Amino acid sequence: MTGNDHDPDYTRIVADADVLAADLLVGGASRATLDVLRAHSWLTLVATERLLDDAEAVVAELADGSLAADWREHLEERAVIVEQPEGDHPALAAAYRGNATQVVSLDEQLLGAKAAAALGGRIDVSVRPPDAFERLFDPESVYELVFEEPYPGPDSDPRS
């Protein structure tokens, strides 16, 4: 992975499998994170098949296999699915291959200083837990940066 191959797109966000499952099953900051994406049609969820496999497995184990399959189908319709090289972490592969600048995760290995140091200079991405994303991500400033016009506010119902 080299930083030269990553073309950051500030409208693309990766939610790791644990955050996706927590959005459905728990709520809280994970749901608030995904609500930001669902409320703004110009923000894109990026994932890999493996990331969705992992999320589906968690939901099937904790809830129901049928719910997990239906939910995954819904995610596949909304997300941009990118290829994941063998051996790569699903969320990091999604960020790198999907040009995302944000990864939201509950995985301590991704959130630690060691991971930040390893990623530094290689890929322009921020890895945050859902509560930090919820506090720090500002759709208005991202919209105005990317589209160079005033932020119109949310344009979608996050519950649809």
C-alpha atoms as a PDB file:
ATOM      1  CA  MET A   1       0.000   0.000   0.000  1.00  0.00           C
ATOM      2  CA  THR A   2       1.374   3.394  -0.921  1.00  0.00           C
ATOM      3  CA  GLY A   3      -0.136   6.764  -0.209  1.00  0.00           C
ATOM      4  CA  ASN A   4       0.196   7.622  -3.911  1.00  0.00           C
ATOM      5  CA  ASP A   5      -2.500   5.132  -4.913  1.00  0.00           C
ATOM      6  CA  HIS A   6      -5.119   6.433  -2.450  1.00  0.00           C
ATOM      7  CA  ASP A   7      -7.227   9.305  -3.770  1.00  0.00           C
ATOM      8  CA  PRO A   8      -9.113  10.478  -0.669  1.00  0.00           C
ATOM      9  CA  ASP A   9     -12.810  11.186  -1.048  1.00  0.00           C
ATOM     10  CA  TYR A  10     -14.192  12.950   2.028  1.00  0.00           C
ATOM     11  CA  THR A  11     -17.720  11.748   1.249  1.00  0.00           C
ATOM     12  CA  ARG A  12     -16.764   8.067   1.621  1.00  0.00           C
ATOM     13  CA  ILE A  13     -16.900   6.388   5.023  1.00  0.00           C
ATOM     14  CA  VAL A  14     -16.258   2.831   6.186  1.00  0.00           C
ATOM     15  CA  ALA A  15     -18.183   1.372   9.110  1.00  0.00           C
ATOM     16  CA  ASP A  16     -16.404  -1.730  10.377  1.00  0.00           C
ATOM     17  CA  ALA A  17     -18.400  -4.941  10.861  1.00  0.00           C
ATOM     18  CA  ASP A  18     -18.755  -4.371  14.607  1.00  0.00           C
ATOM     19  CA  VAL A  19     -20.249  -0.914  14.060  1.00  0.00           C
ATOM     20  CA  LEU A  20     -22.644  -2.181  11.397  1.00  0.00           C
ATOM     21  CA  ALA A  21     -23.882  -4.955  13.701  1.00  0.00           C
ATOM     22  CA  ALA A  22     -24.153  -2.585  16.682  1.00  0.00           C
ATOM     23  CA  ASP A  23     -26.175  -0.157  14.546  1.00  0.00           C
ATOM     24  CA  LEU A  24     -28.763  -2.870  13.952  1.00  0.00           C
ATOM     25  CA  LEU A  25     -28.717  -4.645  17.305  1.00  0.00           C
ATOM     26  CA  VAL A  26     -27.695  -2.087  19.932  1.00  0.00           C
ATOM     27  CA  GLY A  27     -28.126   1.492  18.730  1.00  0.00           C
ATOM     28  CA  GLY A  28     -26.241   4.178  20.626  1.00  0.00           C
ATOM     29  CA  ALA A  29     -23.251   5.852  18.996  1.00  0.00           C
ATOM     30  CA  SER A  30     -23.049   3.196  16.268  1.00  0.00           C
ATOM     31  CA  ARG A  31     -26.607   3.962  15.183  1.00  0.00           C
ATOM     32  CA  ALA A  32     -25.934   7.714  15.388  1.00  0.00           C
ATOM     33  CA  THR A  33     -22.898   7.223  13.126  1.00  0.00           C
ATOM     34  CA  LEU A  34     -24.870   5.334  10.492  1.00  0.00           C
ATOM     35  CA  ASP A  35     -27.730   7.830  10.819  1.00  0.00           C
ATOM     36  CA  VAL A  36     -25.335  10.554   9.658  1.00  0.00           C
ATOM     37  CA  LEU A  37     -24.684   8.543   6.500  1.00  0.00           C
ATOM     38  CA  ARG A  38     -28.331   7.685   5.986  1.00  0.00           C
ATOM     39  CA  ALA A  39     -29.372  11.328   6.458  1.00  0.00           C
ATOM     40  CA  HIS A  40     -27.038  12.584   3.709  1.00  0.00           C
ATOM     41  CA  SER A  41     -27.449  11.036   0.253  1.00  0.00           C
ATOM     42  CA  TRP A  42     -24.076  12.448  -0.812  1.00  0.00           C
ATOM     43  CA  LEU A  43     -22.199  10.405   1.827  1.00  0.00           C
ATOM     44  CA  THR A  44     -21.238   6.892   0.775  1.00  0.00           C
ATOM     45  CA  LEU A  45     -20.803   3.782   2.880  1.00  0.00           C
ATOM     46  CA  VAL A  46     -17.889   1.696   1.579  1.00  0.00           C
ATOM     47  CA  ALA A  47     -17.414  -1.995   2.391  1.00  0.00           C
ATOM     48  CA  THR A  48     -15.848  -5.223   1.203  1.00  0.00           C
ATOM     49  CA  GLU A  49     -17.597  -8.576   0.871  1.00  0.00           C
ATOM     50  CA  ARG A  50     -15.523  -9.873   3.791  1.00  0.00           C
ATOM     51  CA  LEU A  51     -16.553  -6.926   5.978  1.00  0.00           C
ATOM     52  CA  LEU A  52     -20.213  -7.654   5.192  1.00  0.00           C
ATOM     53  CA  ASP A  53     -19.630 -11.392   5.813  1.00  0.00           C
ATOM     54  CA  ASP A  54     -18.246 -10.565   9.256  1.00  0.00           C
ATOM     55  CA  ALA A  55     -21.143  -8.242  10.110  1.00  0.00           C
ATOM     56  CA  GLU A  56     -23.713 -10.750   8.881  1.00  0.00           C
ATOM     57  CA  ALA A  57     -22.133 -13.514  10.972  1.00  0.00           C
ATOM     58  CA  VAL A  58     -22.358 -11.376  14.131  1.00  0.00           C
ATOM     59  CA  VAL A  59     -26.012 -10.543  13.500  1.00  0.00           C
ATOM     60  CA  ALA A  60     -26.843 -14.198  12.718  1.00  0.00           C
ATOM     61  CA  GLU A  61     -25.143 -15.350  15.911  1.00  0.00           C
ATOM     62  CA  LEU A  62     -26.703 -12.728  18.181  1.00  0.00           C
ATOM     63  CA  ALA A  63     -30.130 -12.432  16.558  1.00  0.00           C
ATOM     64  CA  ASP A  64     -31.365 -14.495  13.624  1.00  0.00           C
ATOM     65  CA  GLY A  65     -29.985 -15.818  10.350  1.00  0.00           C
ATOM     66  CA  SER A  66     -32.957 -14.600   8.327  1.00  0.00           C
ATOM     67  CA  LEU A  67     -32.681 -11.091   9.779  1.00  0.00           C
ATOM     68  CA  ALA A  68     -28.945 -11.128   9.065  1.00  0.00           C
ATOM     69  CA  ALA A  69     -29.463 -12.122   5.413  1.00  0.00           C
ATOM     70  CA  ASP A  70     -32.178  -9.505   4.828  1.00  0.00           C
ATOM     71  CA  TRP A  71     -30.106  -6.819   6.537  1.00  0.00           C
ATOM     72  CA  ARG A  72     -27.034  -7.695   4.475  1.00  0.00           C
ATOM     73  CA  GLU A  73     -29.062  -7.439   1.274  1.00  0.00           C
ATOM     74  CA  HIS A  74     -30.158  -3.954   2.365  1.00  0.00           C
ATOM     75  CA  LEU A  75     -26.528  -2.965   3.082  1.00  0.00           C
ATOM     76  CA  GLU A  76     -25.367  -4.265  -0.299  1.00  0.00           C
ATOM     77  CA  GLU A  77     -27.939  -2.031  -1.999  1.00  0.00           C
ATOM     78  CA  ARG A  78     -26.663   1.071  -0.186  1.00  0.00           C
ATOM     79  CA  ALA A  79     -22.916   0.495   0.012  1.00  0.00           C
ATOM     80  CA  VAL A  80     -20.164   0.665  -2.557  1.00  0.00           C
ATOM     81  CA  ILE A  81     -18.507  -2.753  -2.452  1.00  0.00           C
ATOM     82  CA  VAL A  82     -14.775  -2.828  -3.227  1.00  0.00           C
ATOM     83  CA  GLU A  83     -12.273  -5.649  -3.617  1.00  0.00           C
ATOM     84  CA  GLN A  84     -10.268  -6.811  -0.632  1.00  0.00           C
ATOM     85  CA  PRO A  85      -6.797  -8.266  -1.111  1.00  0.00           C
ATOM     86  CA  GLU A  86      -6.143 -11.498   0.773  1.00  0.00           C
ATOM     87  CA  GLY A  87      -4.779 -10.830   4.238  1.00  0.00           C
ATOM     88  CA  ASP A  88      -5.908  -7.199   4.491  1.00  0.00           C
ATOM     89  CA  HIS A  89      -8.136  -6.040   7.331  1.00  0.00           C
ATOM     90  CA  PRO A  90     -11.654  -5.634   5.856  1.00  0.00           C
ATOM     91  CA  ALA A  91     -12.212  -2.064   7.080  1.00  0.00           C
ATOM     92  CA  LEU A  92      -8.759  -0.862   6.029  1.00  0.00           C
ATOM     93  CA  ALA A  93      -9.081  -2.554   2.645  1.00  0.00           C
ATOM     94  CA  ALA A  94     -12.453  -0.863   2.173  1.00  0.00           C
ATOM     95  CA  ALA A  95     -10.951   2.519   3.056  1.00  0.00           C
ATOM     96  CA  TYR A  96      -7.934   2.096   0.813  1.00  0.00           C
ATOM     97  CA  ARG A  97      -9.705   0.513  -2.159  1.00  0.00           C
ATOM     98  CA  GLY A  98     -12.757   2.757  -1.776  1.00  0.00           C
ATOM     99  CA  ASN A  99     -10.820   6.007  -1.206  1.00  0.00           C
ATOM    100  CA  ALA A 100     -12.603   6.594   2.109  1.00  0.00           C
ATOM    101  CA  THR A 101     -11.118   9.033   4.603  1.00  0.00           C
ATOM    102  CA  GLN A 102     -12.996   7.794   7.673  1.00  0.00           C
ATOM    103  CA  VAL A 103     -13.151   4.371   9.297  1.00  0.00           C
ATOM    104  CA  VAL A 104     -15.515   3.943  12.216  1.00  0.00           C
ATOM    105  CA  SER A 105     -14.668   0.903  14.316  1.00  0.00           C
ATOM    106  CA  LEU A 106     -14.840  -0.604  17.777  1.00  0.00           C
ATOM    107  CA  ASP A 107     -11.723  -2.727  17.089  1.00  0.00           C
ATOM    108  CA  GLU A 108      -9.039  -1.708  19.604  1.00  0.00           C
ATOM    109  CA  GLN A 109      -6.311  -2.894  17.206  1.00  0.00           C
ATOM    110  CA  LEU A 110      -7.412  -0.297  14.654  1.00  0.00           C
ATOM    111  CA  LEU A 111      -7.940   2.446  17.234  1.00  0.00           C
ATOM    112  CA  GLY A 112      -4.573   2.183  18.973  1.00  0.00           C
ATOM    113  CA  ALA A 113      -1.475   4.319  18.531  1.00  0.00           C
ATOM    114  CA  LYS A 114       0.375   1.407  16.906  1.00  0.00           C
ATOM    115  CA  ALA A 115      -2.187   1.238  14.087  1.00  0.00           C
ATOM    116  CA  ALA A 116      -2.122   5.019  13.638  1.00  0.00           C
ATOM    117  CA  ALA A 117       1.664   4.960  13.349  1.00  0.00           C
ATOM    118  CA  ALA A 118       1.541   2.101  10.820  1.00  0.00           C
ATOM    119  CA  LEU A 119      -1.031   3.923   8.688  1.00  0.00           C
ATOM    120  CA  GLY A 120       0.634   7.337   8.896  1.00  0.00           C
ATOM    121  CA  GLY A 121       1.963   8.435   5.546  1.00  0.00           C
ATOM    122  CA  ARG A 122       0.593   5.364   3.786  1.00  0.00           C
ATOM    123  CA  ILE A 123      -3.078   6.252   3.573  1.00  0.00           C
ATOM    124  CA  ASP A 124      -5.047   9.404   4.385  1.00  0.00           C
ATOM    125  CA  VAL A 125      -7.609   7.939   6.798  1.00  0.00           C
ATOM    126  CA  SER A 126      -8.913   8.600  10.292  1.00  0.00           C
ATOM    127  CA  VAL A 127      -9.948   5.635  12.422  1.00  0.00           C
ATOM    128  CA  ARG A 128     -12.340   6.521  15.232  1.00  0.00           C
ATOM    129  CA  PRO A 129     -14.819   4.834  17.518  1.00  0.00           C
ATOM    130  CA  PRO A 130     -18.471   5.716  16.869  1.00  0.00           C
ATOM    131  CA  ASP A 131     -18.752   8.179  19.762  1.00  0.00           C
ATOM    132  CA  ALA A 132     -15.740  10.160  18.516  1.00  0.00           C
ATOM    133  CA  PHE A 133     -17.021  10.110  14.937  1.00  0.00           C
ATOM    134  CA  GLU A 134     -20.382  11.374  16.151  1.00  0.00           C
ATOM    135  CA  ARG A 135     -18.696  14.260  18.025  1.00  0.00           C
ATOM    136  CA  LEU A 136     -16.107  15.192  15.401  1.00  0.00           C
ATOM    137  CA  PHE A 137     -17.573  14.533  11.954  1.00  0.00           C
ATOM    138  CA  ASP A 138     -19.170  17.698  10.615  1.00  0.00           C
ATOM    139  CA  PRO A 139     -21.325  17.088   7.511  1.00  0.00           C
ATOM    140  CA  GLU A 140     -21.611  20.844   6.913  1.00  0.00           C
ATOM    141  CA  SER A 141     -17.867  21.446   6.607  1.00  0.00           C
ATOM    142  CA  VAL A 142     -17.373  18.312   4.480  1.00  0.00           C
ATOM    143  CA  TYR A 143     -20.196  19.310   2.138  1.00  0.00           C
ATOM    144  CA  GLU A 144     -18.867  22.851   1.723  1.00  0.00           C
ATOM    145  CA  LEU A 145     -15.316  21.564   1.148  1.00  0.00           C
ATOM    146  CA  VAL A 146     -16.343  18.997  -1.465  1.00  0.00           C
ATOM    147  CA  PHE A 147     -19.142  20.822  -3.272  1.00  0.00           C
ATOM    148  CA  GLU A 148     -17.995  24.422  -2.716  1.00  0.00           C
ATOM    149  CA  GLU A 149     -21.504  25.613  -1.930  1.00  0.00           C
ATOM    150  CA  PRO A 150     -23.559  26.162   1.229  1.00  0.00           C
ATOM    151  CA  TYR A 151     -24.623  23.057   3.126  1.00  0.00           C
ATOM    152  CA  PRO A 152     -28.325  22.355   2.477  1.00  0.00           C
ATOM    153  CA  GLY A 153     -28.729  20.155   5.567  1.00  0.00           C
ATOM    154  CA  PRO A 154     -29.748  16.514   5.727  1.00  0.00           C
ATOM    155  CA  ASP A 155     -31.620  15.364   2.620  1.00  0.00           C
ATOM    156  CA  SER A 156     -32.744  11.850   3.566  1.00  0.00           C
ATOM    157  CA  ASP A 157     -34.696  10.175   6.335  1.00  0.00           C
ATOM    158  CA  PRO A 158     -32.179   8.110   8.329  1.00  0.00           C
ATOM    159  CA  ARG A 159     -34.934   5.659   9.258  1.00  0.00           C
ATOM    160  CA  SER A 160     -36.012   4.850   5.703  1.00  0.00           C
END
